[in-house]
Amino acid sequence: MKKLTKGQMEAEISNKIIQFEKEHMGRGPTEAKTFLLEDMVLVRLKNVLTPAEHQLAKTNEGKGLIKQVRVQLFENARAILEELITSVTGSSVVSIHSDISTVTGERVIVFILNKHMKE
């Protein structure tokens, strides 16, 4: 396998995460940006909420429901995400952290790897 540059890895991860979101969460983000930082992969996704979630987000109860459902969906797909990151970086994933904003419709995902990524 050809060694990818940092920029190529970031682009490939962004593309794979967009595809993951479409297939497993119901719709993809309008924009994805990935950053490799030492032993972390930071992914920022914009506009991930569905039209129904936008309606739910108008109340505090709805915001809580969105977060609960998204956390469960994300946890159910954890193995897929780990494989996705490992396939691009060649490093195994130690932990995954994620949150979604019901105000801005953004999701942030942080993958902690078992080694630092080289420049």
C-alpha atoms as a PDB file:
ATOM      1  CA  MET A   1       0.000   0.000   0.000  1.00  0.00           C
ATOM      2  CA  LYS A   2       1.283   3.439  -0.932  1.00  0.00           C
ATOM      3  CA  LYS A   3       2.155   5.722   1.979  1.00  0.00           C
ATOM      4  CA  LEU A   4      -0.222   8.668   2.130  1.00  0.00           C
ATOM      5  CA  THR A   5       0.760  12.205   3.101  1.00  0.00           C
ATOM      6  CA  LYS A   6      -0.886  13.821   6.115  1.00  0.00           C
ATOM      7  CA  GLY A   7      -3.167  15.835   3.827  1.00  0.00           C
ATOM      8  CA  GLN A   8      -4.135  12.758   1.836  1.00  0.00           C
ATOM      9  CA  MET A   9      -4.980  10.864   5.034  1.00  0.00           C
ATOM     10  CA  GLU A  10      -7.076  13.779   6.308  1.00  0.00           C
ATOM     11  CA  ALA A  11      -8.984  13.949   3.005  1.00  0.00           C
ATOM     12  CA  GLU A  12      -9.537  10.191   2.892  1.00  0.00           C
ATOM     13  CA  ILE A  13     -10.813  10.111   6.479  1.00  0.00           C
ATOM     14  CA  SER A  14     -13.204  12.999   5.724  1.00  0.00           C
ATOM     15  CA  ASN A  15     -14.562  11.160   2.680  1.00  0.00           C
ATOM     16  CA  LYS A  16     -14.979   7.889   4.567  1.00  0.00           C
ATOM     17  CA  ILE A  17     -16.712   9.588   7.503  1.00  0.00           C
ATOM     18  CA  ILE A  18     -19.130  11.326   5.107  1.00  0.00           C
ATOM     19  CA  GLN A  19     -19.944   7.928   3.579  1.00  0.00           C
ATOM     20  CA  PHE A  20     -20.343   6.412   7.062  1.00  0.00           C
ATOM     21  CA  GLU A  21     -22.757   9.184   8.082  1.00  0.00           C
ATOM     22  CA  LYS A  22     -24.842   8.636   4.925  1.00  0.00           C
ATOM     23  CA  GLU A  23     -25.007   4.864   5.352  1.00  0.00           C
ATOM     24  CA  HIS A  24     -25.371   4.574   9.137  1.00  0.00           C
ATOM     25  CA  MET A  25     -26.896   7.846  10.343  1.00  0.00           C
ATOM     26  CA  GLY A  26     -29.317   8.526   7.503  1.00  0.00           C
ATOM     27  CA  ARG A  27     -27.725  11.538   5.858  1.00  0.00           C
ATOM     28  CA  GLY A  28     -24.279  12.958   5.325  1.00  0.00           C
ATOM     29  CA  PRO A  29     -22.899  16.294   6.442  1.00  0.00           C
ATOM     30  CA  THR A  30     -22.579  19.193   4.018  1.00  0.00           C
ATOM     31  CA  GLU A  31     -18.934  19.573   4.998  1.00  0.00           C
ATOM     32  CA  ALA A  32     -16.291  17.494   6.765  1.00  0.00           C
ATOM     33  CA  LYS A  33     -12.820  18.525   7.853  1.00  0.00           C
ATOM     34  CA  THR A  34     -10.246  16.216   9.426  1.00  0.00           C
ATOM     35  CA  PHE A  35      -7.116  17.133  11.362  1.00  0.00           C
ATOM     36  CA  LEU A  36      -4.314  14.747  12.354  1.00  0.00           C
ATOM     37  CA  LEU A  37      -2.755  16.000  15.581  1.00  0.00           C
ATOM     38  CA  GLU A  38      -0.043  13.816  17.118  1.00  0.00           C
ATOM     39  CA  ASP A  39      -1.995  10.754  18.348  1.00  0.00           C
ATOM     40  CA  MET A  40      -5.447  12.235  17.638  1.00  0.00           C
ATOM     41  CA  VAL A  41      -7.735  12.405  14.650  1.00  0.00           C
ATOM     42  CA  LEU A  42     -10.210  15.281  14.954  1.00  0.00           C
ATOM     43  CA  VAL A  43     -13.182  15.277  12.586  1.00  0.00           C
ATOM     44  CA  ARG A  44     -15.612  18.201  12.348  1.00  0.00           C
ATOM     45  CA  LEU A  45     -18.857  17.615  10.461  1.00  0.00           C
ATOM     46  CA  LYS A  46     -21.265  20.410   9.535  1.00  0.00           C
ATOM     47  CA  ASN A  47     -25.018  20.184   9.052  1.00  0.00           C
ATOM     48  CA  VAL A  48     -25.578  16.607  10.187  1.00  0.00           C
ATOM     49  CA  LEU A  49     -29.086  16.990  11.605  1.00  0.00           C
ATOM     50  CA  THR A  50     -31.994  15.595   9.620  1.00  0.00           C
ATOM     51  CA  PRO A  51     -35.058  17.788   8.944  1.00  0.00           C
ATOM     52  CA  ALA A  52     -36.954  15.855  11.651  1.00  0.00           C
ATOM     53  CA  GLU A  53     -34.121  16.475  14.137  1.00  0.00           C
ATOM     54  CA  HIS A  54     -34.235  20.207  13.362  1.00  0.00           C
ATOM     55  CA  GLN A  55     -37.887  20.155  14.403  1.00  0.00           C
ATOM     56  CA  LEU A  56     -37.106  18.171  17.564  1.00  0.00           C
ATOM     57  CA  ALA A  57     -34.286  20.576  18.464  1.00  0.00           C
ATOM     58  CA  LYS A  58     -36.833  23.343  19.060  1.00  0.00           C
ATOM     59  CA  THR A  59     -37.464  22.006  22.580  1.00  0.00           C
ATOM     60  CA  ASN A  60     -35.122  20.998  25.398  1.00  0.00           C
ATOM     61  CA  GLU A  61     -36.726  17.553  25.548  1.00  0.00           C
ATOM     62  CA  GLY A  62     -36.188  17.149  21.806  1.00  0.00           C
ATOM     63  CA  LYS A  63     -32.540  18.182  22.086  1.00  0.00           C
ATOM     64  CA  GLY A  64     -32.027  15.498  24.724  1.00  0.00           C
ATOM     65  CA  LEU A  65     -33.712  12.874  22.555  1.00  0.00           C
ATOM     66  CA  ILE A  66     -31.491  13.737  19.586  1.00  0.00           C
ATOM     67  CA  LYS A  67     -28.359  13.359  21.691  1.00  0.00           C
ATOM     68  CA  GLN A  68     -29.554  10.045  23.188  1.00  0.00           C
ATOM     69  CA  VAL A  69     -30.407   8.505  19.822  1.00  0.00           C
ATOM     70  CA  ARG A  70     -27.223   9.761  18.153  1.00  0.00           C
ATOM     71  CA  VAL A  71     -25.047   8.414  20.996  1.00  0.00           C
ATOM     72  CA  GLN A  72     -26.686   4.985  20.704  1.00  0.00           C
ATOM     73  CA  LEU A  73     -26.354   4.883  16.900  1.00  0.00           C
ATOM     74  CA  PHE A  74     -22.731   5.957  17.198  1.00  0.00           C
ATOM     75  CA  GLU A  75     -21.940   3.325  19.839  1.00  0.00           C
ATOM     76  CA  ASN A  76     -23.552   0.612  17.712  1.00  0.00           C
ATOM     77  CA  ALA A  77     -21.219   1.540  14.822  1.00  0.00           C
ATOM     78  CA  ARG A  78     -18.052   1.890  16.904  1.00  0.00           C
ATOM     79  CA  ALA A  79     -16.300  -1.121  15.320  1.00  0.00           C
ATOM     80  CA  ILE A  80     -16.957   0.260  11.821  1.00  0.00           C
ATOM     81  CA  LEU A  81     -15.441   3.618  12.779  1.00  0.00           C
ATOM     82  CA  GLU A  82     -12.394   2.009  14.372  1.00  0.00           C
ATOM     83  CA  GLU A  83     -11.744  -0.044  11.222  1.00  0.00           C
ATOM     84  CA  LEU A  84     -12.220   3.043   9.044  1.00  0.00           C
ATOM     85  CA  ILE A  85      -9.570   4.999  10.960  1.00  0.00           C
ATOM     86  CA  THR A  86      -7.170   2.049  11.218  1.00  0.00           C
ATOM     87  CA  SER A  87      -7.425   1.387   7.476  1.00  0.00           C
ATOM     88  CA  VAL A  88      -6.287   4.935   6.686  1.00  0.00           C
ATOM     89  CA  THR A  89      -3.779   5.627   9.474  1.00  0.00           C
ATOM     90  CA  GLY A  90      -2.350   2.158  10.059  1.00  0.00           C
ATOM     91  CA  SER A  91      -2.790   2.816  13.781  1.00  0.00           C
ATOM     92  CA  SER A  92      -5.317   1.201  16.078  1.00  0.00           C
ATOM     93  CA  VAL A  93      -7.913   3.284  17.897  1.00  0.00           C
ATOM     94  CA  VAL A  94      -7.617   3.504  21.685  1.00  0.00           C
ATOM     95  CA  SER A  95     -10.797   5.525  22.265  1.00  0.00           C
ATOM     96  CA  ILE A  96     -13.457   7.547  20.483  1.00  0.00           C
ATOM     97  CA  HIS A  97     -15.159  10.681  21.760  1.00  0.00           C
ATOM     98  CA  SER A  98     -18.053  12.428  20.051  1.00  0.00           C
ATOM     99  CA  ASP A  99     -20.652  15.124  20.583  1.00  0.00           C
ATOM    100  CA  ILE A 100     -23.307  16.757  18.458  1.00  0.00           C
ATOM    101  CA  SER A 101     -24.607  20.306  18.744  1.00  0.00           C
ATOM    102  CA  THR A 102     -28.379  20.536  18.454  1.00  0.00           C
ATOM    103  CA  VAL A 103     -27.956  24.291  17.952  1.00  0.00           C
ATOM    104  CA  THR A 104     -25.437  24.402  15.094  1.00  0.00           C
ATOM    105  CA  GLY A 105     -25.988  20.899  13.689  1.00  0.00           C
ATOM    106  CA  GLU A 106     -22.278  20.118  13.949  1.00  0.00           C
ATOM    107  CA  ARG A 107     -20.715  16.875  15.146  1.00  0.00           C
ATOM    108  CA  VAL A 108     -17.175  16.547  16.442  1.00  0.00           C
ATOM    109  CA  ILE A 109     -15.459  13.176  16.638  1.00  0.00           C
ATOM    110  CA  VAL A 110     -12.059  12.629  18.254  1.00  0.00           C
ATOM    111  CA  PHE A 111     -10.200   9.357  17.763  1.00  0.00           C
ATOM    112  CA  ILE A 112      -7.261   8.656  20.075  1.00  0.00           C
ATOM    113  CA  LEU A 113      -4.685   6.422  18.385  1.00  0.00           C
ATOM    114  CA  ASN A 114      -2.117   4.068  19.847  1.00  0.00           C
ATOM    115  CA  LYS A 115       0.773   6.023  18.250  1.00  0.00           C
ATOM    116  CA  HIS A 116       1.667   9.486  17.038  1.00  0.00           C
ATOM    117  CA  MET A 117       1.184  10.170  13.356  1.00  0.00           C
ATOM    118  CA  LYS A 118       4.296  11.334  11.553  1.00  0.00           C
ATOM    119  CA  GLU A 119       4.343  14.470   9.400  1.00  0.00           C
END
